[in-house]
Protein backbone atom coordinates (compact mmCIF):
# COMPACT_ATOMS: atom_id res chain seq x y z
CA UNK A 1 -180.16 -19.35 267.69
CA UNK A 2 -181.57 -19.34 271.21
CA UNK A 3 -185.07 -18.65 269.92
CA UNK A 4 -184.97 -22.14 268.36
CA UNK A 5 -183.13 -23.95 271.13
CA UNK A 6 -185.44 -22.88 273.97
CA UNK A 7 -188.70 -24.19 272.39
CA UNK A 8 -186.86 -27.37 271.48
CA UNK A 9 -185.68 -27.75 275.06
CA UNK A 10 -189.22 -27.16 276.34
CA UNK A 11 -190.55 -29.78 273.89
CA UNK A 12 -187.94 -32.28 275.04
CA UNK A 13 -188.69 -31.66 278.73
CA UNK A 14 -192.43 -32.07 278.10
CA UNK A 15 -191.71 -35.33 276.30
CA UNK A 16 -189.56 -36.64 279.16
CA UNK A 17 -192.22 -35.66 281.69
CA UNK A 18 -194.93 -37.38 279.65
CA UNK A 19 -192.79 -40.47 279.15
CA UNK A 20 -192.12 -40.81 282.88
CA UNK A 21 -195.59 -40.00 284.21
CA UNK A 22 -197.97 -41.63 281.72
CA UNK A 23 -199.21 -45.19 282.09
CA UNK A 24 -200.97 -45.43 278.73
CA UNK A 25 -198.82 -46.81 275.90
CA UNK A 26 -200.23 -44.41 273.30
CA UNK A 27 -199.41 -41.41 275.52
CA UNK A 28 -195.90 -42.77 276.06
CA UNK A 29 -195.47 -43.15 272.30
CA UNK A 30 -196.62 -39.56 271.73
CA UNK A 31 -194.15 -38.36 274.37
CA UNK A 32 -191.35 -40.28 272.68
CA UNK A 33 -192.22 -38.72 269.33
CA UNK A 34 -192.20 -35.29 270.97
CA UNK A 35 -188.66 -35.91 272.20
CA UNK A 36 -187.53 -37.13 268.77
CA UNK A 37 -189.01 -34.06 267.07
CA UNK A 38 -187.23 -31.73 269.44
CA UNK A 39 -183.93 -33.45 268.64
CA UNK A 40 -184.68 -33.08 264.92
CA UNK A 41 -185.20 -29.35 265.44
CA UNK A 42 -181.81 -29.18 267.13
CA UNK A 43 -180.16 -31.01 264.21
CA UNK A 44 -181.50 -28.44 261.76
CA UNK A 45 -180.68 -25.44 263.95
CA UNK A 46 -177.10 -26.50 264.68
CA UNK A 47 -176.50 -27.35 261.03
CA UNK A 48 -177.88 -23.99 259.95
CA UNK A 49 -175.69 -21.99 262.33
CA UNK A 50 -172.50 -24.07 262.28
CA UNK A 51 -172.43 -25.05 258.59
CA UNK A 52 -174.78 -22.64 256.74
CA UNK A 53 -174.07 -23.84 253.21
CA UNK A 54 -174.36 -27.56 253.83
CA UNK A 55 -177.40 -29.79 254.20
CA UNK A 56 -176.12 -32.67 256.32
CA UNK A 57 -178.26 -31.76 259.35
CA UNK A 58 -181.38 -31.47 257.24
CA UNK A 59 -180.73 -34.76 255.46
CA UNK A 60 -180.08 -36.46 258.78
CA UNK A 61 -183.34 -34.99 260.08
CA UNK A 62 -185.28 -36.35 257.09
CA UNK A 63 -183.72 -39.75 257.68
CA UNK A 64 -184.62 -39.55 261.40
CA UNK A 65 -188.22 -38.63 260.53
CA UNK A 66 -188.47 -41.66 258.22
CA UNK A 67 -187.09 -43.94 260.93
CA UNK A 68 -189.51 -42.41 263.48
CA UNK A 69 -192.45 -43.10 261.15
CA UNK A 70 -191.42 -46.74 260.81
CA UNK A 71 -190.89 -47.00 264.56
CA UNK A 72 -194.35 -45.53 265.21
CA UNK A 73 -196.01 -48.01 262.85
CA UNK A 74 -194.26 -50.89 264.57
CA UNK A 75 -195.14 -49.59 268.03
CA UNK A 76 -198.82 -49.18 267.09
CA UNK A 77 -198.85 -52.77 265.79
CA UNK A 78 -197.37 -54.00 269.08
CA UNK A 79 -199.89 -51.95 271.08
CA UNK A 80 -202.79 -53.38 269.04
CA UNK A 81 -201.58 -56.94 269.70
CA UNK A 82 -201.22 -56.21 273.42
CA UNK A 83 -204.74 -54.79 273.44
CA UNK A 84 -206.07 -57.97 271.83
CA UNK A 85 -204.58 -60.11 274.59
CA UNK A 86 -204.93 -57.92 277.67
CA UNK A 87 -207.94 -55.75 276.63
CA UNK A 88 -206.04 -52.81 278.09
CA UNK A 89 -202.99 -50.78 277.09
CA UNK A 90 -202.01 -49.73 280.59
CA UNK A 91 -198.40 -50.50 281.43
CA UNK A 92 -199.25 -51.89 284.85
CA UNK A 93 -201.31 -54.67 283.22
CA UNK A 94 -198.49 -56.01 281.05
CA UNK A 95 -197.74 -58.81 283.50
CA UNK A 96 -200.65 -60.67 281.87
CA UNK A 97 -198.40 -61.20 278.85
CA UNK A 98 -195.93 -63.35 280.83
CA UNK A 99 -195.97 -67.11 280.35
């Protein structure tokens, strides 16, 4: 079990580090997806070891992947609209969007 938890923990920590340190919206979105994927790995691993004959963790993971895909599409659309207005996707330049 630990051979699945440790890479998942490393993925999550890399995602948190990227989310905190990056200033580019695309890099932040990739870091967020990295964190979500590590949580999905944990769902499958804990379901496999706690309830080996059931598929609830795997079904929940598939549902989470579908939600993450929709969230990514929406975030990319928002980032494209911000780029059209500000000509930059750096977080520090988002004050240009204020009225």
